[in-house]
């Protein structure tokens, strides 16, 4: 039987520190043992402890406050966002269309599945809140103002009824990656240029209104269809922008 490769020393120490946090039931913001205590508990050198803590800080598992000590971190999705952004930007160098499509596809699958659960959980008060956001989107569109943040607010409010803290964090992560990559130029013409093929404001408003209408009717299938139509529009726009960028590369000899 082939011998399993030995776990890298730094990875082992990271795992031991995280296990220590779990075993002791330390909450976010709680202080960790000192470097000296960790050295004694884990039987490793000071440099090994410091390297492991730095790696865990990059993952937001611990927070190093110089001059004060080390504390349990927020364990946010920031590392995931940064990693996905970099991965998508690298992929966009070779295939703009596929790069953003992959991000959108994952978000679409999540939202189309989740919206069915919203049908049974959303309250009338929350539906009124969604309508209010759509009204603000409509007003902004009529005034010629962008409303991307209102769009994001709509989707965050949409899933509040599920009472699942991970859902808005995860969807927000994909939203942030998409905006970062699009703003960096993938699917947005030349870097720094605004996205040109934004659908007419009334179209975007109508698509969001249709989602709320289906939810008020407690029609899960219709809510899922409305969400699918919404994402078809986003995907078509992203693909069109990506094609134009690739054509621009060819014209400019990039």
Protein backbone atom coordinates (compact mmCIF):
# COMPACT_ATOMS: atom_id res chain seq x y z
CA UNK A 1 0.00 0.00 0.00
CA UNK A 2 1.52 3.35 -1.02
CA UNK A 3 2.54 5.60 1.85
CA UNK A 4 0.42 8.70 2.33
CA UNK A 5 2.38 11.95 1.96
CA UNK A 6 3.21 13.58 5.28
CA UNK A 7 1.13 16.65 6.12
CA UNK A 8 3.19 19.85 5.70
CA UNK A 9 4.35 21.15 9.09
CA UNK A 10 2.76 24.58 8.67
CA UNK A 11 -0.58 23.06 7.65
CA UNK A 12 -0.52 20.75 10.67
CA UNK A 13 0.10 23.66 13.05
CA UNK A 14 -2.71 25.67 11.42
CA UNK A 15 -5.05 22.74 11.91
CA UNK A 16 -3.98 22.40 15.54
CA UNK A 17 -4.62 26.08 16.24
CA UNK A 18 -8.08 25.95 14.67
CA UNK A 19 -8.85 22.79 16.65
CA UNK A 20 -7.73 24.58 19.81
CA UNK A 21 -10.19 27.39 19.06
CA UNK A 22 -12.99 24.86 18.58
CA UNK A 23 -12.10 22.74 21.61
CA UNK A 24 -12.05 25.77 23.89
CA UNK A 25 -15.22 27.21 22.43
CA UNK A 26 -13.60 30.57 21.68
CA UNK A 27 -15.93 33.05 20.01
CA UNK A 28 -15.17 35.78 17.47
CA UNK A 29 -12.99 38.44 19.09
CA UNK A 30 -11.85 36.19 21.94
CA UNK A 31 -8.10 36.26 22.69
CA UNK A 32 -6.00 33.26 21.74
CA UNK A 33 -3.23 31.88 23.98
CA UNK A 34 0.05 33.79 23.72
CA UNK A 35 2.77 32.69 21.32
CA UNK A 36 4.69 31.20 24.24
CA UNK A 37 1.64 29.24 25.38
CA UNK A 38 1.02 27.97 21.85
CA UNK A 39 4.66 26.93 21.56
CA UNK A 40 4.32 24.88 24.74
CA UNK A 41 0.89 23.44 23.91
CA UNK A 42 1.85 22.43 20.37
CA UNK A 43 5.52 21.64 20.95
CA UNK A 44 6.76 23.84 18.11
CA UNK A 45 9.08 26.82 17.68
CA UNK A 46 8.07 30.49 17.86
CA UNK A 47 8.71 30.94 14.12
CA UNK A 48 6.44 27.98 13.32
CA UNK A 49 3.67 29.48 15.46
CA UNK A 50 4.04 32.88 13.79
CA UNK A 51 3.98 31.42 10.28
CA UNK A 52 0.85 29.44 11.06
CA UNK A 53 -0.89 32.45 12.60
CA UNK A 54 -0.06 34.61 9.56
CA UNK A 55 -1.55 31.97 7.27
CA UNK A 56 -4.69 31.78 9.43
CA UNK A 57 -4.94 35.56 9.42
CA UNK A 58 -5.04 35.49 5.60
CA UNK A 59 -8.05 33.18 5.93
CA UNK A 60 -9.66 35.55 8.49
CA UNK A 61 -9.65 32.75 11.06
CA UNK A 62 -7.49 34.76 13.42
CA UNK A 63 -6.77 38.47 13.76
CA UNK A 64 -3.29 39.62 14.78
CA UNK A 65 -3.32 42.94 16.61
CA UNK A 66 0.28 44.01 16.88
CA UNK A 67 1.15 45.00 20.41
CA UNK A 68 -2.01 43.43 21.81
CA UNK A 69 -2.11 39.78 20.81
CA UNK A 70 -4.00 37.38 18.56
CA UNK A 71 -7.77 37.02 18.54
CA UNK A 72 -10.36 34.80 16.89
CA UNK A 73 -11.21 36.31 13.49
CA UNK A 74 -14.53 36.87 11.78
CA UNK A 75 -14.09 33.85 9.47
CA UNK A 76 -15.65 35.96 6.73
CA UNK A 77 -15.85 35.07 3.05
CA UNK A 78 -13.27 37.73 2.12
CA UNK A 79 -10.61 35.12 1.22
CA UNK A 80 -13.16 33.35 -0.99
CA UNK A 81 -14.06 36.64 -2.71
CA UNK A 82 -10.42 37.54 -3.33
CA UNK A 83 -9.62 34.06 -4.62
CA UNK A 84 -12.63 33.91 -6.93
CA UNK A 85 -11.93 37.39 -8.25
CA UNK A 86 -8.35 36.47 -9.12
CA UNK A 87 -9.40 33.14 -10.63
CA UNK A 88 -12.04 34.80 -12.80
CA UNK A 89 -9.71 37.58 -13.95
CA UNK A 90 -7.12 35.00 -14.98
CA UNK A 91 -9.75 32.98 -16.84
CA UNK A 92 -11.04 36.14 -18.53
CA UNK A 93 -7.67 36.59 -20.21
CA UNK A 94 -8.45 33.51 -22.28
CA UNK A 95 -12.24 33.47 -22.47
CA UNK A 96 -14.21 36.50 -21.28
CA UNK A 97 -17.58 34.90 -22.01
CA UNK A 98 -16.94 31.79 -19.95
CA UNK A 99 -15.27 33.64 -17.06
CA UNK A 100 -18.29 35.68 -16.00
CA UNK A 101 -20.76 33.02 -17.11
CA UNK A 102 -19.36 30.61 -14.52
CA UNK A 103 -19.89 33.11 -11.70
CA UNK A 104 -23.41 33.90 -12.89
CA UNK A 105 -24.29 30.24 -13.29
CA UNK A 106 -23.46 29.42 -9.68
CA UNK A 107 -25.39 32.44 -8.40
CA UNK A 108 -28.33 31.58 -10.65
CA UNK A 109 -28.54 28.00 -9.40
CA UNK A 110 -28.47 29.22 -5.80
CA UNK A 111 -31.11 31.91 -6.28
CA UNK A 112 -33.50 29.83 -8.38
CA UNK A 113 -33.44 27.13 -5.74
CA UNK A 114 -33.68 29.49 -2.78
CA UNK A 115 -36.55 31.55 -4.18
CA UNK A 116 -38.82 28.48 -3.96
CA UNK A 117 -38.17 28.38 -0.22
CA UNK A 118 -38.88 32.10 0.05
CA UNK A 119 -42.41 31.54 -1.23
CA UNK A 120 -43.34 29.69 1.96
CA UNK A 121 -41.35 31.85 4.35
CA UNK A 122 -41.72 35.47 3.20
CA UNK A 123 -44.12 37.69 5.16
CA UNK A 124 -46.45 40.35 3.82
CA UNK A 125 -44.32 42.98 5.53
CA UNK A 126 -41.22 41.69 3.76
CA UNK A 127 -43.09 41.67 0.45
CA UNK A 128 -44.04 45.30 1.04
CA UNK A 129 -40.35 46.01 1.66
CA UNK A 130 -39.42 44.36 -1.64
CA UNK A 131 -42.06 46.41 -3.44
CA UNK A 132 -40.62 49.56 -1.86
CA UNK A 133 -37.15 48.72 -3.16
CA UNK A 134 -38.54 48.12 -6.66
CA UNK A 135 -40.35 51.49 -6.46
CA UNK A 136 -37.03 53.15 -5.62
CA UNK A 137 -35.40 51.37 -8.54
CA UNK A 138 -38.19 52.65 -10.79
CA UNK A 139 -37.75 56.21 -9.52
CA UNK A 140 -33.99 56.06 -10.00
CA UNK A 141 -34.39 54.70 -13.51
CA UNK A 142 -36.84 57.43 -14.49
CA UNK A 143 -34.36 60.00 -13.18
CA UNK A 144 -31.59 58.49 -15.27
CA UNK A 145 -29.67 57.26 -12.21
CA UNK A 146 -27.99 53.85 -11.89
CA UNK A 147 -29.46 51.55 -9.25
CA UNK A 148 -27.05 48.63 -8.95
CA UNK A 149 -26.96 48.96 -5.16
CA UNK A 150 -30.76 48.92 -5.01
CA UNK A 151 -30.65 45.73 -7.07
CA UNK A 152 -28.28 44.23 -4.52
CA UNK A 153 -30.51 45.43 -1.66
CA UNK A 154 -33.48 43.70 -3.32
CA UNK A 155 -31.73 40.35 -3.45
CA UNK A 156 -30.46 40.64 0.13
CA UNK A 157 -33.95 41.47 1.40
CA UNK A 158 -35.44 38.72 -0.73
CA UNK A 159 -33.75 35.98 1.29
CA UNK A 160 -34.02 37.59 4.74
CA UNK A 161 -37.09 35.46 5.43
CA UNK A 162 -34.99 32.28 5.30
CA UNK A 163 -33.18 33.33 8.49
CA UNK A 164 -29.95 31.80 7.19
CA UNK A 165 -26.91 33.98 7.87
CA UNK A 166 -24.79 32.17 5.27
CA UNK A 167 -27.14 32.87 2.35
CA UNK A 168 -26.65 36.67 2.12
CA UNK A 169 -22.91 36.27 2.73
CA UNK A 170 -22.52 33.70 -0.03
CA UNK A 171 -24.70 35.53 -2.55
CA UNK A 172 -22.98 38.79 -1.64
CA UNK A 173 -19.63 37.14 -2.34
CA UNK A 174 -20.67 36.18 -5.88
CA UNK A 175 -22.19 39.63 -6.40
CA UNK A 176 -18.93 41.31 -5.35
CA UNK A 177 -16.81 39.08 -7.56
CA UNK A 178 -19.04 39.78 -10.56
CA UNK A 179 -18.90 43.56 -10.03
CA UNK A 180 -15.12 43.52 -9.48
CA UNK A 181 -14.43 41.48 -12.59
CA UNK A 182 -16.87 43.43 -14.77
CA UNK A 183 -15.38 46.69 -13.50
CA UNK A 184 -11.88 45.43 -14.29
CA UNK A 185 -12.83 44.99 -17.91
CA UNK A 186 -14.02 41.41 -18.30
CA UNK A 187 -17.22 41.79 -20.23
CA UNK A 188 -17.08 45.57 -19.93
CA UNK A 189 -15.19 46.78 -22.98
CA UNK A 190 -11.84 48.38 -22.14
CA UNK A 191 -10.70 48.38 -18.48
CA UNK A 192 -12.30 51.21 -16.57
CA UNK A 193 -15.08 51.77 -19.06
CA UNK A 194 -18.68 51.47 -17.87
CA UNK A 195 -20.84 48.58 -18.98
CA UNK A 196 -22.64 49.82 -22.07
CA UNK A 197 -25.38 47.27 -22.65
CA UNK A 198 -27.40 47.93 -19.54
CA UNK A 199 -31.03 46.97 -20.23
CA UNK A 200 -33.65 49.70 -20.20
CA UNK A 201 -34.46 50.57 -16.56
CA UNK A 202 -38.10 49.66 -17.03
CA UNK A 203 -37.11 46.15 -18.14
CA UNK A 204 -35.01 45.57 -15.03
CA UNK A 205 -37.75 47.01 -12.82
CA UNK A 206 -40.37 44.79 -14.45
CA UNK A 207 -38.28 41.66 -13.93
CA UNK A 208 -37.93 42.40 -10.24
CA UNK A 209 -41.61 43.28 -9.96
CA UNK A 210 -42.51 39.94 -11.54
CA UNK A 211 -40.57 38.13 -8.82
CA UNK A 212 -42.50 39.94 -6.09
CA UNK A 213 -45.83 39.29 -7.85
CA UNK A 214 -45.11 35.56 -7.98
CA UNK A 215 -44.16 35.57 -4.30
CA UNK A 216 -47.38 37.35 -3.34
CA UNK A 217 -49.32 34.68 -5.22
CA UNK A 218 -47.33 32.02 -3.32
CA UNK A 219 -46.51 30.44 -6.67
CA UNK A 220 -43.14 28.71 -6.35
CA UNK A 221 -42.94 27.67 -10.00
CA UNK A 222 -43.74 31.17 -11.24
CA UNK A 223 -41.24 32.71 -8.81
CA UNK A 224 -38.55 30.39 -10.11
CA UNK A 225 -39.44 31.24 -13.72
CA UNK A 226 -39.33 34.97 -12.96
CA UNK A 227 -35.90 34.56 -11.39
CA UNK A 228 -34.70 32.57 -14.40
CA UNK A 229 -35.85 35.32 -16.78
CA UNK A 230 -34.02 37.87 -14.65
CA UNK A 231 -30.79 35.89 -14.90
CA UNK A 232 -31.19 35.25 -18.62
CA UNK A 233 -31.05 39.00 -19.08
CA UNK A 234 -27.89 39.35 -16.98
CA UNK A 235 -26.19 36.47 -18.77
CA UNK A 236 -27.06 37.78 -22.24
CA UNK A 237 -25.69 41.21 -21.40
CA UNK A 238 -22.48 39.78 -19.93
CA UNK A 239 -21.95 37.52 -22.95
CA UNK A 240 -22.53 40.41 -25.37
CA UNK A 241 -20.03 42.60 -23.53
CA UNK A 242 -17.50 39.76 -23.46
CA UNK A 243 -17.78 39.20 -27.21
CA UNK A 244 -17.25 42.89 -27.87
CA UNK A 245 -14.18 42.90 -25.65
CA UNK A 246 -12.69 39.93 -27.49
CA UNK A 247 -13.37 41.62 -30.81
CA UNK A 248 -11.73 44.78 -29.47
CA UNK A 249 -8.65 42.78 -28.54
CA UNK A 250 -8.42 41.54 -32.06
CA UNK A 251 -8.78 45.02 -33.54
CA UNK A 252 -6.19 46.54 -31.20
CA UNK A 253 -3.75 43.66 -31.41
CA UNK A 254 -3.91 42.80 -27.70
